[in-house]
Amino acid sequence: MMRNPSTPWEAHVYAVNVALLRRGVYALDEFRDAIERMPPKDYLDASYYARWWYAIRRLLREKGVLDDAEVAAGG
């Protein structure tokens, strides 16, 4: 079940994901898969939206939208 964003950064992550999905940068199934590919310890330690942020950055890197340096600079 999706959790409503409760902080500004969570709302930002939510909005970024919606925008990227709507623009067709990646599909929802790819987004879910990226979350599932997180290392288990990282997954368990991460908050709900931290997992989203991880998946967004991973997909943007994998699809060549951003390079490693750009992903690292974005947190």
N, C-alpha and C. Protein backbone atom coordinates (compact mmCIF):
# COMPACT_ATOMS: atom_id res chain seq x y z
N MET A 1 0.83 -1.17 0.00
CA MET A 1 0.00 0.00 0.00
C MET A 1 0.88 1.24 0.00
N MET A 2 0.53 2.23 -0.82
CA MET A 2 1.31 3.45 -0.89
C MET A 2 1.06 4.33 0.33
N ARG A 3 2.11 4.93 0.82
CA ARG A 3 2.04 5.84 1.96
C ARG A 3 2.04 7.27 1.45
N ASN A 4 1.18 8.12 2.00
CA ASN A 4 1.18 9.52 1.61
C ASN A 4 2.45 10.20 2.09
N PRO A 5 3.04 11.05 1.25
CA PRO A 5 4.24 11.76 1.68
C PRO A 5 3.94 12.64 2.90
N SER A 6 4.83 12.60 3.89
CA SER A 6 4.58 13.39 5.10
C SER A 6 5.63 14.48 5.31
N THR A 7 6.65 14.51 4.47
CA THR A 7 7.68 15.55 4.56
C THR A 7 7.90 16.12 3.16
N PRO A 8 8.49 17.31 3.08
CA PRO A 8 8.73 17.90 1.75
C PRO A 8 9.60 17.02 0.84
N TRP A 9 10.64 16.38 1.39
CA TRP A 9 11.49 15.56 0.51
C TRP A 9 10.72 14.35 0.00
N GLU A 10 9.84 13.77 0.81
CA GLU A 10 9.03 12.64 0.36
C GLU A 10 8.08 13.08 -0.76
N ALA A 11 7.49 14.25 -0.61
CA ALA A 11 6.60 14.78 -1.65
C ALA A 11 7.38 15.03 -2.94
N HIS A 12 8.61 15.49 -2.82
CA HIS A 12 9.46 15.72 -3.99
C HIS A 12 9.76 14.40 -4.70
N VAL A 13 10.14 13.38 -3.95
CA VAL A 13 10.43 12.06 -4.53
C VAL A 13 9.18 11.52 -5.23
N TYR A 14 8.03 11.66 -4.58
CA TYR A 14 6.77 11.21 -5.18
C TYR A 14 6.53 11.92 -6.51
N ALA A 15 6.68 13.25 -6.51
CA ALA A 15 6.43 14.03 -7.73
C ALA A 15 7.41 13.68 -8.84
N VAL A 16 8.67 13.49 -8.50
CA VAL A 16 9.67 13.12 -9.50
C VAL A 16 9.30 11.77 -10.13
N ASN A 17 8.91 10.82 -9.30
CA ASN A 17 8.55 9.50 -9.81
C ASN A 17 7.33 9.58 -10.74
N VAL A 18 6.33 10.31 -10.33
CA VAL A 18 5.13 10.46 -11.17
C VAL A 18 5.50 11.08 -12.52
N ALA A 19 6.33 12.13 -12.48
CA ALA A 19 6.72 12.80 -13.72
C ALA A 19 7.49 11.86 -14.65
N LEU A 20 8.42 11.10 -14.09
CA LEU A 20 9.21 10.18 -14.92
C LEU A 20 8.35 9.05 -15.48
N LEU A 21 7.43 8.56 -14.69
CA LEU A 21 6.51 7.53 -15.19
C LEU A 21 5.64 8.07 -16.32
N ARG A 22 5.10 9.26 -16.13
CA ARG A 22 4.21 9.85 -17.16
C ARG A 22 4.95 10.17 -18.45
N ARG A 23 6.23 10.52 -18.33
CA ARG A 23 7.02 10.81 -19.53
C ARG A 23 7.55 9.54 -20.20
N GLY A 24 7.32 8.40 -19.58
CA GLY A 24 7.73 7.14 -20.18
C GLY A 24 9.22 6.85 -20.03
N VAL A 25 9.88 7.51 -19.07
CA VAL A 25 11.30 7.24 -18.85
C VAL A 25 11.49 5.81 -18.39
N TYR A 26 10.58 5.34 -17.57
CA TYR A 26 10.56 3.94 -17.16
C TYR A 26 9.12 3.56 -16.84
N ALA A 27 8.88 2.27 -16.76
CA ALA A 27 7.54 1.75 -16.47
C ALA A 27 7.43 1.41 -14.98
N LEU A 28 6.20 1.33 -14.52
CA LEU A 28 5.97 1.02 -13.11
C LEU A 28 6.59 -0.32 -12.72
N ASP A 29 6.51 -1.31 -13.59
CA ASP A 29 7.12 -2.60 -13.29
C ASP A 29 8.63 -2.48 -13.14
N GLU A 30 9.26 -1.64 -13.95
CA GLU A 30 10.71 -1.42 -13.83
C GLU A 30 11.03 -0.75 -12.49
N PHE A 31 10.18 0.19 -12.09
CA PHE A 31 10.38 0.89 -10.82
C PHE A 31 10.29 -0.10 -9.66
N ARG A 32 9.27 -0.93 -9.67
CA ARG A 32 9.12 -1.94 -8.61
C ARG A 32 10.32 -2.89 -8.60
N ASP A 33 10.75 -3.30 -9.78
CA ASP A 33 11.89 -4.21 -9.86
C ASP A 33 13.16 -3.57 -9.30
N ALA A 34 13.36 -2.28 -9.58
CA ALA A 34 14.54 -1.59 -9.06
C ALA A 34 14.54 -1.58 -7.53
N ILE A 35 13.37 -1.40 -6.93
CA ILE A 35 13.27 -1.46 -5.47
C ILE A 35 13.62 -2.86 -4.98
N GLU A 36 13.10 -3.85 -5.67
CA GLU A 36 13.35 -5.24 -5.26
C GLU A 36 14.80 -5.66 -5.43
N ARG A 37 15.55 -4.94 -6.26
CA ARG A 37 16.96 -5.26 -6.46
C ARG A 37 17.88 -4.56 -5.46
N MET A 38 17.32 -3.82 -4.55
CA MET A 38 18.15 -3.19 -3.50
C MET A 38 18.81 -4.28 -2.68
N PRO A 39 20.04 -4.05 -2.23
CA PRO A 39 20.65 -5.01 -1.31
C PRO A 39 19.75 -5.17 -0.07
N PRO A 40 19.56 -6.38 0.41
CA PRO A 40 18.62 -6.62 1.52
C PRO A 40 18.82 -5.71 2.73
N LYS A 41 20.06 -5.52 3.14
CA LYS A 41 20.29 -4.67 4.31
C LYS A 41 19.86 -3.23 4.04
N ASP A 42 20.19 -2.72 2.85
CA ASP A 42 19.79 -1.36 2.48
C ASP A 42 18.27 -1.24 2.45
N TYR A 43 17.62 -2.25 1.88
CA TYR A 43 16.16 -2.25 1.82
C TYR A 43 15.56 -2.17 3.22
N LEU A 44 16.05 -3.01 4.12
CA LEU A 44 15.50 -3.04 5.48
C LEU A 44 15.80 -1.76 6.25
N ASP A 45 16.92 -1.13 5.98
CA ASP A 45 17.30 0.09 6.69
C ASP A 45 16.62 1.34 6.13
N ALA A 46 16.11 1.26 4.91
CA ALA A 46 15.57 2.44 4.22
C ALA A 46 14.10 2.68 4.56
N SER A 47 13.74 3.94 4.55
CA SER A 47 12.32 4.30 4.71
C SER A 47 11.60 4.03 3.38
N TYR A 48 10.30 4.12 3.41
CA TYR A 48 9.48 3.87 2.22
C TYR A 48 9.94 4.73 1.03
N TYR A 49 10.05 6.04 1.24
CA TYR A 49 10.43 6.91 0.13
C TYR A 49 11.92 6.90 -0.15
N ALA A 50 12.74 6.51 0.80
CA ALA A 50 14.17 6.32 0.51
C ALA A 50 14.33 5.17 -0.49
N ARG A 51 13.49 4.16 -0.37
CA ARG A 51 13.51 3.08 -1.36
C ARG A 51 13.12 3.62 -2.72
N TRP A 52 12.15 4.48 -2.80
CA TRP A 52 11.75 5.08 -4.07
C TRP A 52 12.92 5.87 -4.67
N TRP A 53 13.59 6.68 -3.83
CA TRP A 53 14.69 7.50 -4.31
C TRP A 53 15.81 6.64 -4.86
N TYR A 54 16.11 5.54 -4.18
CA TYR A 54 17.11 4.59 -4.65
C TYR A 54 16.72 4.07 -6.04
N ALA A 55 15.47 3.66 -6.20
CA ALA A 55 15.01 3.09 -7.47
C ALA A 55 15.06 4.12 -8.59
N ILE A 56 14.66 5.34 -8.30
CA ILE A 56 14.69 6.40 -9.32
C ILE A 56 16.12 6.62 -9.79
N ARG A 57 17.04 6.79 -8.86
CA ARG A 57 18.43 7.02 -9.23
C ARG A 57 19.01 5.85 -9.99
N ARG A 58 18.70 4.65 -9.56
CA ARG A 58 19.21 3.46 -10.24
C ARG A 58 18.70 3.38 -11.69
N LEU A 59 17.41 3.61 -11.86
CA LEU A 59 16.83 3.54 -13.20
C LEU A 59 17.36 4.64 -14.12
N LEU A 60 17.52 5.85 -13.58
CA LEU A 60 18.06 6.93 -14.41
C LEU A 60 19.48 6.63 -14.85
N ARG A 61 20.25 6.01 -13.99
CA ARG A 61 21.62 5.61 -14.34
C ARG A 61 21.59 4.47 -15.37
N GLU A 62 20.76 3.45 -15.11
CA GLU A 62 20.70 2.30 -16.01
C GLU A 62 20.23 2.68 -17.41
N LYS A 63 19.36 3.67 -17.50
CA LYS A 63 18.82 4.07 -18.80
C LYS A 63 19.66 5.15 -19.48
N GLY A 64 20.76 5.54 -18.83
CA GLY A 64 21.65 6.51 -19.43
C GLY A 64 21.16 7.95 -19.36
N VAL A 65 20.14 8.20 -18.57
CA VAL A 65 19.64 9.57 -18.42
C VAL A 65 20.63 10.39 -17.61
N LEU A 66 21.22 9.79 -16.60
CA LEU A 66 22.25 10.42 -15.77
C LEU A 66 23.45 9.48 -15.69
N ASP A 67 24.64 10.07 -15.55
CA ASP A 67 25.80 9.23 -15.33
C ASP A 67 26.05 9.07 -13.84
N ASP A 68 27.04 8.26 -13.48
CA ASP A 68 27.31 7.98 -12.06
C ASP A 68 27.59 9.25 -11.27
N ALA A 69 28.34 10.18 -11.85
CA ALA A 69 28.68 11.41 -11.13
C ALA A 69 27.43 12.25 -10.88
N GLU A 70 26.54 12.32 -11.85
CA GLU A 70 25.30 13.08 -11.67
C GLU A 70 24.41 12.44 -10.62
N VAL A 71 24.34 11.12 -10.61
CA VAL A 71 23.55 10.41 -9.60
C VAL A 71 24.14 10.65 -8.22
N ALA A 72 25.46 10.57 -8.10
CA ALA A 72 26.12 10.78 -6.81
C ALA A 72 25.89 12.21 -6.32
N ALA A 73 25.91 13.17 -7.21
CA ALA A 73 25.72 14.56 -6.82
C ALA A 73 24.30 14.83 -6.34
N GLY A 74 23.35 13.99 -6.78
CA GLY A 74 21.95 14.18 -6.40
C GLY A 74 21.56 13.48 -5.14
N GLY A 75 22.49 12.93 -4.42
CA GLY A 75 22.16 12.27 -3.15
C GLY A 75 21.94 10.83 -3.35
